[in-house]
Amino acid sequence: MKKIKTTKNIKIKRVVTNGAGHQKHSWSWAIYIYWFIILFFIAATFYIIGRGHEFLSPRNVVITEEALKRPQDYIDAAREKILSGDMDAAIVELNAAVDENANSNVYVLRGEVYMQMGDYRNALNDFDSAIEADGMNAIAFYDRSLLNTRLENYQAAWVDINNALAAQSMKPADVLTMRDLYAKRAQLNLWLKNWEGAIGDYTNSLGRAEGSVSADVYAGRAEAYTAIGQYENAINDYTSAVRVISEQIQATPSQEGREEQSSNAMSYFEKSAALNLKLGKQDLAKNDLESAYAIASALNDTESMERIQSLISGLNN
């Protein structure tokens, strides 16, 4: 029994000793290998980062003022060119702005410049791009409505002005007012001979609080009233149009603008006179014509003076 036990202990001791020694030697080499790999990757990472910085900021690159421009800088430069009347230069700036940041408002501004230049195809493309980029851009819809009106595509203009009204009510643009949008749709209704629709939109425009009242709104509604035979309402609107002109003419900065407003007032008096004649009110018609003659005389418009004087003479006779 004792011999068997001793033999067993010696055998176990040899196995443990040899096994432990071998494992310890292998584990030590594995640590060295792992640390070498880790250090290699750390060094490689710093080398790559360093090369990246050298690539991004090379020593020989000259930074120009043009390279430092932001999209807004191009837009500001374009606005200066527009104010100076250099539309071609404005397009160059806006092309750069589109390349840097092709957002909806940049397309709108470039489209407006194209429209002023008479390049309606590129203008339409830009307004389409603006709406594609922002389907709630009321200015883009409004401008495209104006363009379609110029192209006499009134149905398309009608759809666009409706979309402009919807967009403005949900996402208001500072440069637009609901008063102006209703007036624009009323004008389209007038051209489409939708008299009741025109009257409704002109009335909505006049009922809005924002912005200032335009004499054109009263005159437009007067035309619609005339078309459906409501002559009294039409006369009242022509009278209101003249009143607005008399209130606003002194604030008009240019002589040309004041003369244009005066000429419009003269026309409204003549139209009112014609309606008063339809109603058999010759005295009121004569008063309107005399007012029209006074304006023609102030404008030194001899042709109009002769025409109006002839009408007055006919009434007197």
Protein backbone atom coordinates (compact mmCIF):
# COMPACT_ATOMS: atom_id res chain seq x y z
CA MET A 1 0.00 0.00 0.00
CA LYS A 2 2.77 2.43 0.87
CA LYS A 3 4.73 1.76 -2.34
CA ILE A 4 1.73 2.32 -4.52
CA LYS A 5 1.00 5.66 -2.89
CA THR A 6 4.58 6.91 -3.34
CA THR A 7 4.63 6.03 -7.04
CA LYS A 8 1.38 7.87 -7.59
CA ASN A 9 2.60 11.04 -5.85
CA ILE A 10 5.77 11.20 -7.89
CA LYS A 11 3.83 10.83 -11.14
CA ILE A 12 1.40 13.58 -10.25
CA LYS A 13 4.19 15.95 -9.25
CA ARG A 14 5.95 15.49 -12.58
CA VAL A 15 2.85 16.24 -14.55
CA VAL A 16 2.07 19.39 -12.60
CA THR A 17 5.59 20.70 -12.72
CA ASN A 18 6.11 20.12 -16.42
CA GLY A 19 2.67 21.43 -17.34
CA ALA A 20 2.99 24.58 -15.26
CA GLY A 21 6.41 25.41 -16.63
CA HIS A 22 5.35 25.03 -20.26
CA GLN A 23 2.20 27.16 -19.88
CA LYS A 24 4.06 29.95 -18.17
CA HIS A 25 6.65 30.15 -20.93
CA SER A 26 3.97 30.26 -23.77
CA TRP A 27 1.84 32.95 -22.05
CA SER A 28 4.81 35.30 -21.68
CA TRP A 29 5.49 35.28 -25.46
CA ALA A 30 1.79 35.89 -26.24
CA ILE A 31 1.83 39.07 -24.15
CA TYR A 32 4.82 40.39 -26.06
CA ILE A 33 3.13 39.70 -29.39
CA TYR A 34 -0.16 41.38 -28.35
CA TRP A 35 1.62 44.51 -27.08
CA PHE A 36 3.65 44.74 -30.28
CA ILE A 37 0.47 44.62 -32.38
CA ILE A 38 -1.25 47.25 -30.24
CA LEU A 39 1.72 49.62 -30.39
CA PHE A 40 1.99 49.12 -34.14
CA PHE A 41 -1.66 50.12 -34.68
CA ILE A 42 -1.32 53.15 -32.39
CA ALA A 43 1.70 54.36 -34.32
CA ALA A 44 -0.04 53.75 -37.65
CA THR A 45 -3.11 55.70 -36.49
CA PHE A 46 -1.07 58.75 -35.49
CA TYR A 47 0.81 58.60 -38.79
CA ILE A 48 -2.44 58.53 -40.80
CA ILE A 49 -3.94 61.40 -38.79
CA GLY A 50 -0.81 63.44 -39.27
CA ARG A 51 -0.81 62.84 -43.00
CA GLY A 52 -4.50 63.76 -43.11
CA HIS A 53 -3.83 67.13 -41.50
CA GLU A 54 -0.99 67.72 -43.90
CA PHE A 55 -3.32 66.92 -46.80
CA LEU A 56 -6.11 69.17 -45.53
CA SER A 57 -3.79 72.10 -44.83
CA PRO A 58 -0.96 71.94 -47.35
CA ARG A 59 1.71 74.56 -46.93
CA ASN A 60 1.68 75.82 -50.50
CA VAL A 61 -2.11 76.56 -50.84
CA VAL A 62 -3.04 80.27 -51.16
CA ILE A 63 -6.44 80.99 -49.56
CA THR A 64 -8.32 83.56 -51.66
CA GLU A 65 -11.21 85.82 -50.69
CA GLU A 66 -13.41 83.89 -53.13
CA ALA A 67 -12.64 80.63 -51.32
CA LEU A 68 -13.80 82.12 -48.03
CA LYS A 69 -17.21 83.17 -49.36
CA ARG A 70 -20.32 81.65 -47.83
CA PRO A 71 -23.61 81.13 -49.70
CA GLN A 72 -25.06 84.25 -48.07
CA ASP A 73 -22.10 86.28 -49.33
CA TYR A 74 -22.98 85.34 -52.91
CA ILE A 75 -26.62 86.24 -52.29
CA ASP A 76 -25.69 89.63 -50.80
CA ALA A 77 -23.40 90.32 -53.75
CA ALA A 78 -26.18 89.33 -56.14
CA ARG A 79 -28.61 91.75 -54.49
CA GLU A 80 -26.10 94.58 -54.94
CA LYS A 81 -25.76 93.70 -58.62
CA ILE A 82 -29.56 93.64 -59.00
CA LEU A 83 -29.89 97.10 -57.44
CA SER A 84 -27.24 98.41 -59.80
CA GLY A 85 -29.05 96.86 -62.77
CA ASP A 86 -26.28 94.39 -63.65
CA MET A 87 -28.44 91.30 -64.02
CA ASP A 88 -25.79 89.20 -65.78
CA ALA A 89 -23.38 89.68 -62.88
CA ALA A 90 -26.18 88.88 -60.43
CA ILE A 91 -26.77 85.57 -62.22
CA VAL A 92 -23.07 84.71 -61.86
CA GLU A 93 -23.25 85.29 -58.10
CA LEU A 94 -26.47 83.33 -57.77
CA ASN A 95 -25.05 80.42 -59.76
CA ALA A 96 -22.26 80.23 -57.19
CA ALA A 97 -24.81 80.42 -54.36
CA VAL A 98 -26.78 77.55 -55.90
CA ASP A 99 -23.60 75.48 -56.19
CA GLU A 100 -22.79 76.12 -52.52
CA ASN A 101 -26.27 75.71 -51.08
CA ALA A 102 -29.13 75.07 -53.50
CA ASN A 103 -32.00 75.93 -51.18
CA SER A 104 -35.48 77.06 -52.15
CA ASN A 105 -34.99 80.79 -51.57
CA VAL A 106 -31.84 80.94 -53.70
CA TYR A 107 -33.74 79.39 -56.60
CA VAL A 108 -36.54 81.93 -56.09
CA LEU A 109 -34.16 84.89 -56.23
CA ARG A 110 -32.41 83.60 -59.35
CA GLY A 111 -35.78 82.90 -60.95
CA GLU A 112 -36.87 86.48 -60.27
CA VAL A 113 -33.72 87.80 -61.95
CA TYR A 114 -34.28 85.55 -64.96
CA MET A 115 -37.89 86.79 -65.16
CA GLN A 116 -36.71 90.42 -65.15
CA MET A 117 -34.29 89.54 -67.95
CA GLY A 118 -37.11 88.00 -69.99
CA ASP A 119 -35.57 84.53 -69.75
CA TYR A 120 -38.85 82.87 -68.87
CA ARG A 121 -37.70 79.29 -69.45
CA ASN A 122 -34.90 79.48 -66.88
CA ALA A 123 -37.15 81.45 -64.54
CA LEU A 124 -39.79 78.73 -64.70
CA ASN A 125 -37.17 76.03 -64.09
CA ASP A 126 -35.92 77.87 -61.00
CA PHE A 127 -39.41 78.36 -59.58
CA ASP A 128 -40.09 74.66 -60.17
CA SER A 129 -36.86 73.78 -58.33
CA ALA A 130 -37.76 76.12 -55.46
CA ILE A 131 -41.15 74.45 -55.02
CA GLU A 132 -39.60 71.00 -55.27
CA ALA A 133 -37.15 71.95 -52.50
CA ASP A 134 -39.88 73.52 -50.32
CA GLY A 135 -43.50 72.81 -51.10
CA MET A 136 -44.59 75.52 -48.64
CA ASN A 137 -42.65 78.40 -50.21
CA ALA A 138 -45.42 80.95 -50.80
CA ILE A 139 -43.09 83.33 -52.67
CA ALA A 140 -42.16 80.61 -55.18
CA PHE A 141 -45.83 79.89 -55.91
CA TYR A 142 -46.62 83.61 -56.15
CA ASP A 143 -43.73 84.30 -58.53
CA ARG A 144 -44.64 81.34 -60.71
CA SER A 145 -48.22 82.63 -60.81
CA LEU A 146 -46.93 86.00 -62.04
CA LEU A 147 -44.81 84.27 -64.66
CA ASN A 148 -47.67 82.09 -65.88
CA THR A 149 -49.82 85.22 -66.08
CA ARG A 150 -47.22 86.85 -68.32
CA LEU A 151 -47.24 83.72 -70.44
CA GLU A 152 -51.07 83.99 -70.55
CA ASN A 153 -51.33 80.55 -68.95
CA TYR A 154 -54.10 81.75 -66.66
CA GLN A 155 -55.27 78.35 -65.43
CA ALA A 156 -51.77 77.46 -64.25
CA ALA A 157 -51.49 80.92 -62.68
CA TRP A 158 -54.80 80.30 -60.90
CA VAL A 159 -53.55 77.02 -59.40
CA ASP A 160 -50.30 78.68 -58.29
CA ILE A 161 -51.99 81.62 -56.60
CA ASN A 162 -54.26 79.23 -54.71
CA ASN A 163 -51.20 77.31 -53.53
CA ALA A 164 -49.55 80.60 -52.57
CA LEU A 165 -52.56 81.51 -50.42
CA ALA A 166 -52.51 78.10 -48.73
CA ALA A 167 -48.75 78.24 -48.11
CA GLN A 168 -48.90 81.81 -46.80
CA SER A 169 -51.60 80.91 -44.30
CA MET A 170 -49.46 78.06 -42.89
CA LYS A 171 -45.92 79.39 -43.39
CA PRO A 172 -46.09 83.19 -43.81
CA ALA A 173 -43.43 84.94 -45.87
CA ASP A 174 -42.52 88.43 -44.68
CA VAL A 175 -42.56 89.98 -48.15
CA LEU A 176 -46.10 88.80 -48.92
CA THR A 177 -49.48 89.71 -47.43
CA MET A 178 -52.81 87.94 -47.69
CA ARG A 179 -54.24 91.26 -48.92
CA ASP A 180 -51.96 91.22 -51.97
CA LEU A 181 -52.54 87.52 -52.65
CA TYR A 182 -56.33 87.94 -52.63
CA ALA A 183 -55.98 90.97 -54.93
CA LYS A 184 -53.84 88.92 -57.32
CA ARG A 185 -56.35 86.07 -57.42
CA ALA A 186 -59.16 88.62 -57.93
CA GLN A 187 -57.29 89.99 -60.94
CA LEU A 188 -57.01 86.49 -62.40
CA ASN A 189 -60.73 85.98 -61.82
CA LEU A 190 -61.36 89.22 -63.65
CA TRP A 191 -59.38 88.06 -66.68
CA LEU A 192 -61.13 84.70 -66.57
CA LYS A 193 -64.47 86.57 -66.46
CA ASN A 194 -65.34 84.98 -63.14
CA TRP A 195 -67.04 88.18 -61.97
CA GLU A 196 -68.48 86.91 -58.70
CA GLY A 197 -65.17 85.31 -57.77
CA ALA A 198 -63.36 88.55 -58.54
CA ILE A 199 -65.77 90.56 -56.38
CA GLY A 200 -65.34 88.09 -53.51
CA ASP A 201 -61.53 88.18 -53.67
CA TYR A 202 -61.37 91.96 -53.99
CA THR A 203 -63.66 92.22 -50.97
CA ASN A 204 -61.43 89.83 -49.01
CA SER A 205 -58.40 91.88 -49.97
CA LEU A 206 -60.02 95.10 -48.75
CA GLY A 207 -61.04 93.39 -45.53
CA ARG A 208 -57.52 92.41 -44.54
CA ALA A 209 -55.73 94.48 -41.91
CA GLU A 210 -52.14 94.06 -43.07
CA GLY A 211 -50.58 96.21 -45.77
CA SER A 212 -52.06 99.27 -47.45
CA VAL A 213 -55.15 99.52 -49.64
CA SER A 214 -54.51 99.93 -53.35
CA ALA A 215 -56.71 102.02 -55.63
CA ASP A 216 -56.39 99.19 -58.18
CA VAL A 217 -58.40 96.92 -55.87
CA TYR A 218 -61.38 99.28 -55.84
CA ALA A 219 -61.05 99.85 -59.59
CA GLY A 220 -60.88 96.11 -60.27
CA ARG A 221 -63.96 95.42 -58.22
CA ALA A 222 -65.72 98.28 -60.03
CA GLU A 223 -65.01 96.50 -63.34
CA ALA A 224 -66.52 93.28 -62.00
CA TYR A 225 -69.58 95.14 -60.71
CA THR A 226 -69.95 96.83 -64.11
CA ALA A 227 -69.82 93.46 -65.88
CA ILE A 228 -72.81 92.17 -63.91
CA GLY A 229 -74.75 95.43 -64.17
CA GLN A 230 -74.31 96.67 -60.60
CA TYR A 231 -73.55 100.23 -61.70
CA GLU A 232 -74.16 101.94 -58.37
CA ASN A 233 -71.64 99.69 -56.64
CA ALA A 234 -69.20 100.26 -59.46
CA ILE A 235 -69.53 104.05 -59.19
CA ASN A 236 -68.94 103.87 -55.45
CA ASP A 237 -65.77 101.85 -56.00
CA TYR A 238 -64.44 104.29 -58.61
CA THR A 239 -65.07 107.07 -56.11
CA SER A 240 -63.16 105.12 -53.46
CA ALA A 241 -60.30 104.50 -55.89
CA VAL A 242 -59.98 108.26 -56.52
CA ARG A 243 -60.08 108.91 -52.77
CA VAL A 244 -57.22 106.46 -52.15
CA ILE A 245 -55.16 108.13 -54.88
CA SER A 246 -55.75 111.57 -53.39
CA GLU A 247 -54.58 110.25 -50.00
CA GLN A 248 -51.48 108.48 -51.28
CA ILE A 249 -50.27 110.64 -54.15
CA GLN A 250 -48.25 113.03 -51.99
CA ALA A 251 -46.31 110.11 -50.53
CA THR A 252 -45.34 108.89 -54.00
CA PRO A 253 -41.62 109.69 -54.34
CA SER A 254 -41.27 110.17 -58.09
CA GLN A 255 -42.92 112.69 -60.39
CA GLU A 256 -43.52 109.91 -62.88
CA GLY A 257 -45.39 107.90 -60.25
CA ARG A 258 -47.56 110.87 -59.30
CA GLU A 259 -48.42 111.51 -62.93
CA GLU A 260 -49.37 107.86 -63.40
CA GLN A 261 -51.68 107.96 -60.39
CA SER A 262 -53.26 111.18 -61.60
CA SER A 263 -53.85 109.63 -65.01
CA ASN A 264 -55.56 106.66 -63.33
CA ALA A 265 -57.80 108.98 -61.35
CA MET A 266 -58.77 110.77 -64.56
CA SER A 267 -59.72 107.42 -66.11
CA TYR A 268 -61.83 106.47 -63.07
CA PHE A 269 -63.75 109.75 -63.30
CA GLU A 270 -64.50 109.08 -66.96
CA LYS A 271 -65.70 105.55 -66.23
CA SER A 272 -67.87 106.80 -63.40
CA ALA A 273 -69.34 109.41 -65.74
CA ALA A 274 -70.24 106.72 -68.27
CA LEU A 275 -72.03 104.69 -65.60
CA ASN A 276 -73.92 107.72 -64.33
CA LEU A 277 -75.12 108.30 -67.87
CA LYS A 278 -76.36 104.69 -68.00
CA LEU A 279 -78.35 105.43 -64.86
CA GLY A 280 -79.70 108.68 -66.37
CA LYS A 281 -77.78 110.86 -63.91
CA GLN A 282 -76.48 113.49 -66.30
CA ASP A 283 -75.58 116.08 -63.66
CA LEU A 284 -73.37 113.57 -61.82
CA ALA A 285 -71.88 112.46 -65.12
CA LYS A 286 -71.03 116.09 -65.94
CA ASN A 287 -69.40 116.55 -62.54
CA ASP A 288 -67.25 113.47 -63.13
CA LEU A 289 -66.18 114.72 -66.55
CA GLU A 290 -65.30 118.15 -65.20
CA SER A 291 -63.10 116.50 -62.55
CA ALA A 292 -61.46 114.40 -65.26
CA TYR A 293 -60.86 117.55 -67.35
CA ALA A 294 -59.20 119.32 -64.41
CA ILE A 295 -56.74 116.45 -64.02
CA ALA A 296 -56.02 116.34 -67.76
CA SER A 297 -55.33 120.07 -67.67
CA ALA A 298 -52.94 119.66 -64.71
CA LEU A 299 -51.12 116.94 -66.62
CA ASN A 300 -51.05 119.12 -69.75
CA ASP A 301 -52.66 116.19 -71.58
CA THR A 302 -54.14 118.08 -74.52
CA GLU A 303 -55.52 114.99 -76.23
CA SER A 304 -57.53 114.00 -73.16
CA MET A 305 -58.60 117.59 -72.62
CA GLU A 306 -60.10 117.75 -76.11
CA ARG A 307 -61.89 114.42 -75.72
CA ILE A 308 -63.36 115.25 -72.33
CA GLN A 309 -64.38 118.76 -73.38
CA SER A 310 -66.24 117.25 -76.32
CA LEU A 311 -68.15 114.95 -73.93
CA ILE A 312 -69.03 117.87 -71.65
CA SER A 313 -70.27 119.89 -74.60
CA GLY A 314 -72.44 117.00 -75.65
CA LEU A 315 -74.05 116.90 -72.21
CA ASN A 316 -74.63 120.65 -72.19
CA ASN A 317 -76.36 120.47 -75.52
